[in-house]
PDB file of N, CA and C in Angstrom:
ATOM      1  N   MET A   1     -24.202 -17.125 -33.409  1.00  0.00           N
ATOM      2  CA  MET A   1     -23.704 -17.346 -32.098  1.00  0.00           C
ATOM      3  C   MET A   1     -24.426 -16.716 -31.032  1.00  0.00           C
ATOM      4  N   ARG A   2     -24.781 -17.253 -29.980  1.00  0.00           N
ATOM      5  CA  ARG A   2     -25.560 -16.688 -28.980  1.00  0.00           C
ATOM      6  C   ARG A   2     -24.689 -16.114 -27.882  1.00  0.00           C
ATOM      7  N   TYR A   3     -25.312 -15.024 -27.207  1.00  0.00           N
ATOM      8  CA  TYR A   3     -24.514 -14.245 -26.238  1.00  0.00           C
ATOM      9  C   TYR A   3     -25.132 -14.864 -24.885  1.00  0.00           C
ATOM     10  N   PHE A   4     -24.215 -15.324 -23.983  1.00  0.00           N
ATOM     11  CA  PHE A   4     -24.675 -15.711 -22.555  1.00  0.00           C
ATOM     12  C   PHE A   4     -24.140 -14.818 -21.621  1.00  0.00           C
ATOM     13  N   PRO A   5     -24.775 -13.918 -21.003  1.00  0.00           N
ATOM     14  CA  PRO A   5     -24.313 -13.004 -20.019  1.00  0.00           C
ATOM     15  C   PRO A   5     -23.825 -13.726 -18.862  1.00  0.00           C
ATOM     16  N   ARG A   6     -22.717 -13.152 -18.239  1.00  0.00           N
ATOM     17  CA  ARG A   6     -22.127 -13.615 -17.023  1.00  0.00           C
ATOM     18  C   ARG A   6     -23.065 -13.352 -15.866  1.00  0.00           C
ATOM     19  N   PRO A   7     -23.287 -14.280 -14.884  1.00  0.00           N
ATOM     20  CA  PRO A   7     -23.978 -13.912 -13.689  1.00  0.00           C
ATOM     21  C   PRO A   7     -23.288 -12.807 -12.881  1.00  0.00           C
ATOM     22  N   LYS A   8     -23.998 -11.934 -12.252  1.00  0.00           N
ATOM     23  CA  LYS A   8     -23.393 -10.831 -11.486  1.00  0.00           C
ATOM     24  C   LYS A   8     -22.639 -11.412 -10.272  1.00  0.00           C
ATOM     25  N   LYS A   9     -21.511 -10.917  -9.963  1.00  0.00           N
ATOM     26  CA  LYS A   9     -20.732 -11.338  -8.792  1.00  0.00           C
ATOM     27  C   LYS A   9     -21.290 -10.627  -7.521  1.00  0.00           C
ATOM     28  N   ASP A  10     -21.327 -11.460  -6.473  1.00  0.00           N
ATOM     29  CA  ASP A  10     -21.767 -11.015  -5.219  1.00  0.00           C
ATOM     30  C   ASP A  10     -20.804 -10.135  -4.603  1.00  0.00           C
ATOM     31  N   PRO A  11     -20.995  -8.791  -4.369  1.00  0.00           N
ATOM     32  CA  PRO A  11     -19.857  -7.949  -3.787  1.00  0.00           C
ATOM     33  C   PRO A  11     -19.627  -8.280  -2.382  1.00  0.00           C
ATOM     34  N   SER A  12     -20.344  -9.017  -1.692  1.00  0.00           N
ATOM     35  CA  SER A  12     -20.052  -9.463  -0.280  1.00  0.00           C
ATOM     36  C   SER A  12     -18.914 -10.552  -0.255  1.00  0.00           C
ATOM     37  N   LEU A  13     -18.684 -11.268  -1.446  1.00  0.00           N
ATOM     38  CA  LEU A  13     -17.710 -12.366  -1.396  1.00  0.00           C
ATOM     39  C   LEU A  13     -16.292 -11.694  -1.156  1.00  0.00           C
ATOM     40  N   ASN A  14     -16.042 -10.559  -1.700  1.00  0.00           N
ATOM     41  CA  ASN A  14     -14.643  -9.903  -1.686  1.00  0.00           C
ATOM     42  C   ASN A  14     -14.889  -8.536  -1.378  1.00  0.00           C
ATOM     43  N   PRO A  15     -14.948  -8.174  -0.033  1.00  0.00           N
ATOM     44  CA  PRO A  15     -15.325  -6.796   0.264  1.00  0.00           C
ATOM     45  C   PRO A  15     -14.161  -5.832   0.028  1.00  0.00           C
ATOM     46  N   GLY A  16     -14.374  -4.614  -0.043  1.00  0.00           N
ATOM     47  CA  GLY A  16     -13.334  -3.658  -0.330  1.00  0.00           C
ATOM     48  C   GLY A  16     -12.624  -3.351   1.063  1.00  0.00           C
ATOM     49  N   VAL A  17     -11.432  -2.992   1.035  1.00  0.00           N
ATOM     50  CA  VAL A  17     -10.610  -2.634   2.218  1.00  0.00           C
ATOM     51  C   VAL A  17     -10.025  -1.278   1.984  1.00  0.00           C
ATOM     52  N   GLU A  18     -10.099  -0.407   2.926  1.00  0.00           N
ATOM     53  CA  GLU A  18      -9.260   0.867   2.822  1.00  0.00           C
ATOM     54  C   GLU A  18      -7.821   0.751   3.127  1.00  0.00           C
ATOM     55  N   THR A  19      -7.098   0.880   2.116  1.00  0.00           N
ATOM     56  CA  THR A  19      -5.589   0.736   2.181  1.00  0.00           C
ATOM     57  C   THR A  19      -4.857   1.796   1.630  1.00  0.00           C
ATOM     58  N   THR A  20      -3.525   1.916   2.056  1.00  0.00           N
ATOM     59  CA  THR A  20      -2.580   2.970   1.458  1.00  0.00           C
ATOM     60  C   THR A  20      -2.096   2.598   0.134  1.00  0.00           C
ATOM     61  N   VAL A  21      -2.226   3.382  -0.891  1.00  0.00           N
ATOM     62  CA  VAL A  21      -1.616   3.085  -2.262  1.00  0.00           C
ATOM     63  C   VAL A  21      -0.771   4.224  -2.614  1.00  0.00           C
ATOM     64  N   TRP A  22       0.132   3.961  -3.710  1.00  0.00           N
ATOM     65  CA  TRP A  22       0.880   5.024  -4.276  1.00  0.00           C
ATOM     66  C   TRP A  22       0.021   5.345  -5.614  1.00  0.00           C
ATOM     67  N   ALA A  23      -0.259   6.642  -5.688  1.00  0.00           N
ATOM     68  CA  ALA A  23      -0.946   7.129  -6.878  1.00  0.00           C
ATOM     69  C   ALA A  23      -0.102   8.100  -7.756  1.00  0.00           C
ATOM     70  N   CYS A  24      -0.177   8.052  -9.029  1.00  0.00           N
ATOM     71  CA  CYS A  24       0.689   8.917  -9.899  1.00  0.00           C
ATOM     72  C   CYS A  24       0.236  10.396  -9.674  1.00  0.00           C
ATOM     73  N   THR A  25       1.078  11.287  -9.801  1.00  0.00           N
ATOM     74  CA  THR A  25       0.810  12.647  -9.631  1.00  0.00           C
ATOM     75  C   THR A  25       0.507  13.361 -11.025  1.00  0.00           C
ATOM     76  N   SER A  26       0.732  12.621 -12.097  1.00  0.00           N
ATOM     77  CA  SER A  26       0.356  13.174 -13.458  1.00  0.00           C
ATOM     78  C   SER A  26      -1.194  13.260 -13.698  1.00  0.00           C
ATOM     79  N   ARG A  27      -1.579  14.231 -14.403  1.00  0.00           N
ATOM     80  CA  ARG A  27      -2.999  14.585 -14.605  1.00  0.00           C
ATOM     81  C   ARG A  27      -3.518  13.439 -15.690  1.00  0.00           C
ATOM     82  N   ILE A  28      -2.589  13.123 -16.521  1.00  0.00           N
ATOM     83  CA  ILE A  28      -3.041  12.245 -17.674  1.00  0.00           C
ATOM     84  C   ILE A  28      -2.783  10.710 -17.337  1.00  0.00           C
ATOM     85  N   CYS A  29      -2.231  10.317 -16.276  1.00  0.00           N
ATOM     86  CA  CYS A  29      -1.930   8.939 -15.814  1.00  0.00           C
ATOM     87  C   CYS A  29      -2.856   8.545 -14.707  1.00  0.00           C
ATOM     88  N   SER A  30      -3.420   7.500 -14.698  1.00  0.00           N
ATOM     89  CA  SER A  30      -4.268   6.988 -13.557  1.00  0.00           C
ATOM     90  C   SER A  30      -3.723   5.758 -12.840  1.00  0.00           C
ATOM     91  N   CYS A  31      -2.430   5.578 -12.951  1.00  0.00           N
ATOM     92  CA  CYS A  31      -1.632   4.433 -12.374  1.00  0.00           C
ATOM     93  C   CYS A  31      -1.682   4.636 -10.830  1.00  0.00           C
ATOM     94  N   TRP A  32      -1.803   3.388 -10.155  1.00  0.00           N
ATOM     95  CA  TRP A  32      -1.659   3.298  -8.851  1.00  0.00           C
ATOM     96  C   TRP A  32      -1.236   2.023  -8.444  1.00  0.00           C
ATOM     97  N   MET A  33      -0.587   1.695  -7.270  1.00  0.00           N
ATOM     98  CA  MET A  33      -0.115   0.424  -6.709  1.00  0.00           C
ATOM     99  C   MET A  33      -0.176   0.442  -5.154  1.00  0.00           C
ATOM    100  N   ARG A  34      -0.358  -0.727  -4.828  1.00  0.00           N
ATOM    101  CA  ARG A  34      -0.429  -0.884  -3.327  1.00  0.00           C
ATOM    102  C   ARG A  34       0.839  -0.663  -2.702  1.00  0.00           C
ATOM    103  N   VAL A  35       0.983  -0.047  -1.561  1.00  0.00           N
ATOM    104  CA  VAL A  35       2.212   0.227  -0.861  1.00  0.00           C
ATOM    105  C   VAL A  35       2.941  -1.067  -0.553  1.00  0.00           C
ATOM    106  N   GLU A  36       2.132  -2.137  -0.124  1.00  0.00           N
ATOM    107  CA  GLU A  36       2.684  -3.483   0.146  1.00  0.00           C
ATOM    108  C   GLU A  36       3.361  -4.100  -0.986  1.00  0.00           C
ATOM    109  N   MET A  37       3.118  -3.729  -2.201  1.00  0.00           N
ATOM    110  CA  MET A  37       3.441  -4.476  -3.397  1.00  0.00           C
ATOM    111  C   MET A  37       4.706  -3.625  -4.109  1.00  0.00           C
ATOM    112  N   SER A  38       5.004  -2.584  -3.434  1.00  0.00           N
ATOM    113  CA  SER A  38       6.074  -1.711  -4.141  1.00  0.00           C
ATOM    114  C   SER A  38       7.400  -2.075  -3.643  1.00  0.00           C
ATOM    115  N   PHE A  39       8.436  -1.904  -4.324  1.00  0.00           N
ATOM    116  CA  PHE A  39       9.790  -2.313  -3.975  1.00  0.00           C
ATOM    117  C   PHE A  39      10.610  -1.180  -3.435  1.00  0.00           C
ATOM    118  N   GLU A  40      10.151   0.038  -3.733  1.00  0.00           N
ATOM    119  CA  GLU A  40      11.060   1.308  -3.516  1.00  0.00           C
ATOM    120  C   GLU A  40      10.137   2.085  -2.419  1.00  0.00           C
ATOM    121  N   HIS A  41      11.122   2.861  -1.654  1.00  0.00           N
ATOM    122  CA  HIS A  41      10.428   3.669  -0.530  1.00  0.00           C
ATOM    123  C   HIS A  41       9.471   4.830  -1.167  1.00  0.00           C
ATOM    124  N   GLU A  42       9.969   5.403  -2.195  1.00  0.00           N
ATOM    125  CA  GLU A  42       9.199   6.388  -2.917  1.00  0.00           C
ATOM    126  C   GLU A  42       9.208   6.137  -4.389  1.00  0.00           C
ATOM    127  N   PRO A  43       8.409   5.378  -4.909  1.00  0.00           N
ATOM    128  CA  PRO A  43       8.532   4.889  -6.354  1.00  0.00           C
ATOM    129  C   PRO A  43       8.053   5.968  -7.321  1.00  0.00           C
ATOM    130  N   ALA A  44       8.644   5.758  -8.581  1.00  0.00           N
ATOM    131  CA  ALA A  44       8.216   6.466  -9.674  1.00  0.00           C
ATOM    132  C   ALA A  44       7.211   5.733 -10.453  1.00  0.00           C
ATOM    133  N   CYS A  45       6.293   6.376 -11.255  1.00  0.00           N
ATOM    134  CA  CYS A  45       5.209   5.664 -11.948  1.00  0.00           C
ATOM    135  C   CYS A  45       5.817   4.789 -12.933  1.00  0.00           C
ATOM    136  N   PRO A  46       5.424   3.540 -13.070  1.00  0.00           N
ATOM    137  CA  PRO A  46       5.932   2.702 -14.040  1.00  0.00           C
ATOM    138  C   PRO A  46       5.529   2.920 -15.436  1.00  0.00           C
ATOM    139  N   LEU A  47       4.471   3.593 -15.603  1.00  0.00           N
ATOM    140  CA  LEU A  47       3.862   3.878 -16.877  1.00  0.00           C
ATOM    141  C   LEU A  47       4.387   5.330 -17.499  1.00  0.00           C
ATOM    142  N   CYS A  48       4.429   6.233 -16.680  1.00  0.00           N
ATOM    143  CA  CYS A  48       4.776   7.675 -17.355  1.00  0.00           C
ATOM    144  C   CYS A  48       6.080   8.111 -16.657  1.00  0.00           C
ATOM    145  N   GLY A  49       6.635   7.577 -15.553  1.00  0.00           N
ATOM    146  CA  GLY A  49       7.779   8.060 -14.949  1.00  0.00           C
ATOM    147  C   GLY A  49       7.690   9.182 -13.968  1.00  0.00           C
ATOM    148  N   GLU A  50       6.459   9.710 -13.684  1.00  0.00           N
ATOM    149  CA  GLU A  50       6.237  10.819 -12.753  1.00  0.00           C
ATOM    150  C   GLU A  50       6.357  10.309 -11.294  1.00  0.00           C
ATOM    151  N   TRP A  51       6.394  11.239 -10.366  1.00  0.00           N
ATOM    152  CA  TRP A  51       6.451  10.818  -8.949  1.00  0.00           C
ATOM    153  C   TRP A  51       5.179  10.347  -8.543  1.00  0.00           C
ATOM    154  N   MET A  52       5.145   9.456  -7.492  1.00  0.00           N
ATOM    155  CA  MET A  52       3.874   8.978  -6.919  1.00  0.00           C
ATOM    156  C   MET A  52       3.689   9.513  -5.478  1.00  0.00           C
ATOM    157  N   THR A  53       2.500   9.671  -5.042  1.00  0.00           N
ATOM    158  CA  THR A  53       2.214  10.036  -3.608  1.00  0.00           C
ATOM    159  C   THR A  53       1.255   9.089  -3.004  1.00  0.00           C
ATOM    160  N   ALA A  54       1.520   8.900  -1.634  1.00  0.00           N
ATOM    161  CA  ALA A  54       0.643   8.033  -0.877  1.00  0.00           C
ATOM    162  C   ALA A  54      -0.791   8.623  -0.652  1.00  0.00           C
ATOM    163  N   THR A  55      -1.721   7.787  -0.946  1.00  0.00           N
ATOM    164  CA  THR A  55      -3.253   8.139  -0.721  1.00  0.00           C
ATOM    165  C   THR A  55      -3.902   7.019  -0.204  1.00  0.00           C
ATOM    166  N   GLN A  56      -5.145   7.149   0.109  1.00  0.00           N
ATOM    167  CA  GLN A  56      -5.992   6.088   0.669  1.00  0.00           C
ATOM    168  C   GLN A  56      -6.974   5.749  -0.509  1.00  0.00           C
ATOM    169  N   LYS A  57      -7.270   4.374  -0.757  1.00  0.00           N
ATOM    170  CA  LYS A  57      -8.085   3.877  -1.719  1.00  0.00           C
ATOM    171  C   LYS A  57      -8.765   2.625  -1.250  1.00  0.00           C
ATOM    172  N   THR A  58     -10.085   2.455  -1.622  1.00  0.00           N
ATOM    173  CA  THR A  58     -10.820   1.307  -1.254  1.00  0.00           C
ATOM    174  C   THR A  58     -10.598   0.159  -2.382  1.00  0.00           C
ATOM    175  N   VAL A  59      -9.832  -0.872  -2.141  1.00  0.00           N
ATOM    176  CA  VAL A  59      -9.508  -1.847  -3.066  1.00  0.00           C
ATOM    177  C   VAL A  59      -9.981  -3.221  -2.513  1.00  0.00           C
ATOM    178  N   PRO A  60     -10.097  -4.280  -3.419  1.00  0.00           N
ATOM    179  CA  PRO A  60     -10.508  -5.638  -2.982  1.00  0.00           C
ATOM    180  C   PRO A  60      -9.434  -6.066  -2.064  1.00  0.00           C
ATOM    181  N   LYS A  61      -9.774  -6.922  -1.204  1.00  0.00           N
ATOM    182  CA  LYS A  61      -8.897  -7.539  -0.145  1.00  0.00           C
ATOM    183  C   LYS A  61      -8.129  -8.786  -1.015  1.00  0.00           C
ATOM    184  N   ILE A  62      -6.848  -8.817  -0.796  1.00  0.00           N
ATOM    185  CA  ILE A  62      -5.950  -9.804  -1.361  1.00  0.00           C
ATOM    186  C   ILE A  62      -5.866 -10.986  -0.430  1.00  0.00           C
ATOM    187  N   ILE A  63      -6.212 -12.121  -0.892  1.00  0.00           N
ATOM    188  CA  ILE A  63      -6.168 -13.304  -0.241  1.00  0.00           C
ATOM    189  C   ILE A  63      -4.889 -14.053  -0.493  1.00  0.00           C
ATOM    190  N   ASN A  64      -3.850 -13.748   0.218  1.00  0.00           N
ATOM    191  CA  ASN A  64      -2.566 -14.257  -0.135  1.00  0.00           C
ATOM    192  C   ASN A  64      -1.846 -14.436   1.271  1.00  0.00           C
ATOM    193  N   PRO A  65      -1.357 -15.554   1.716  1.00  0.00           N
ATOM    194  CA  PRO A  65      -0.766 -15.763   2.933  1.00  0.00           C
ATOM    195  C   PRO A  65       0.581 -15.100   3.036  1.00  0.00           C
ATOM    196  N   ARG A  66       1.209 -14.676   1.981  1.00  0.00           N
ATOM    197  CA  ARG A  66       2.658 -14.097   1.982  1.00  0.00           C
ATOM    198  C   ARG A  66       2.569 -12.705   2.419  1.00  0.00           C
ATOM    199  N   PHE A  67       1.314 -11.950   2.333  1.00  0.00           N
ATOM    200  CA  PHE A  67       1.272 -10.523   2.626  1.00  0.00           C
ATOM    201  C   PHE A  67       0.550 -10.372   3.997  1.00  0.00           C
TER     202      PHE A  67
END
């Protein structure tokens, strides 16, 4: 079986956007979620249950007319 590498994606097609995210406060957990996608005012981490704090992160822009 031959291996066919995927072509590299052009990063300019989906530029990163600086946005506010909820980040887990636990040292062993790297979970984060966008503030726009959370249902609670101050959510708990869905993976480990620790509290989450608001931080800034560069993430890909979501192309969705609902948000």
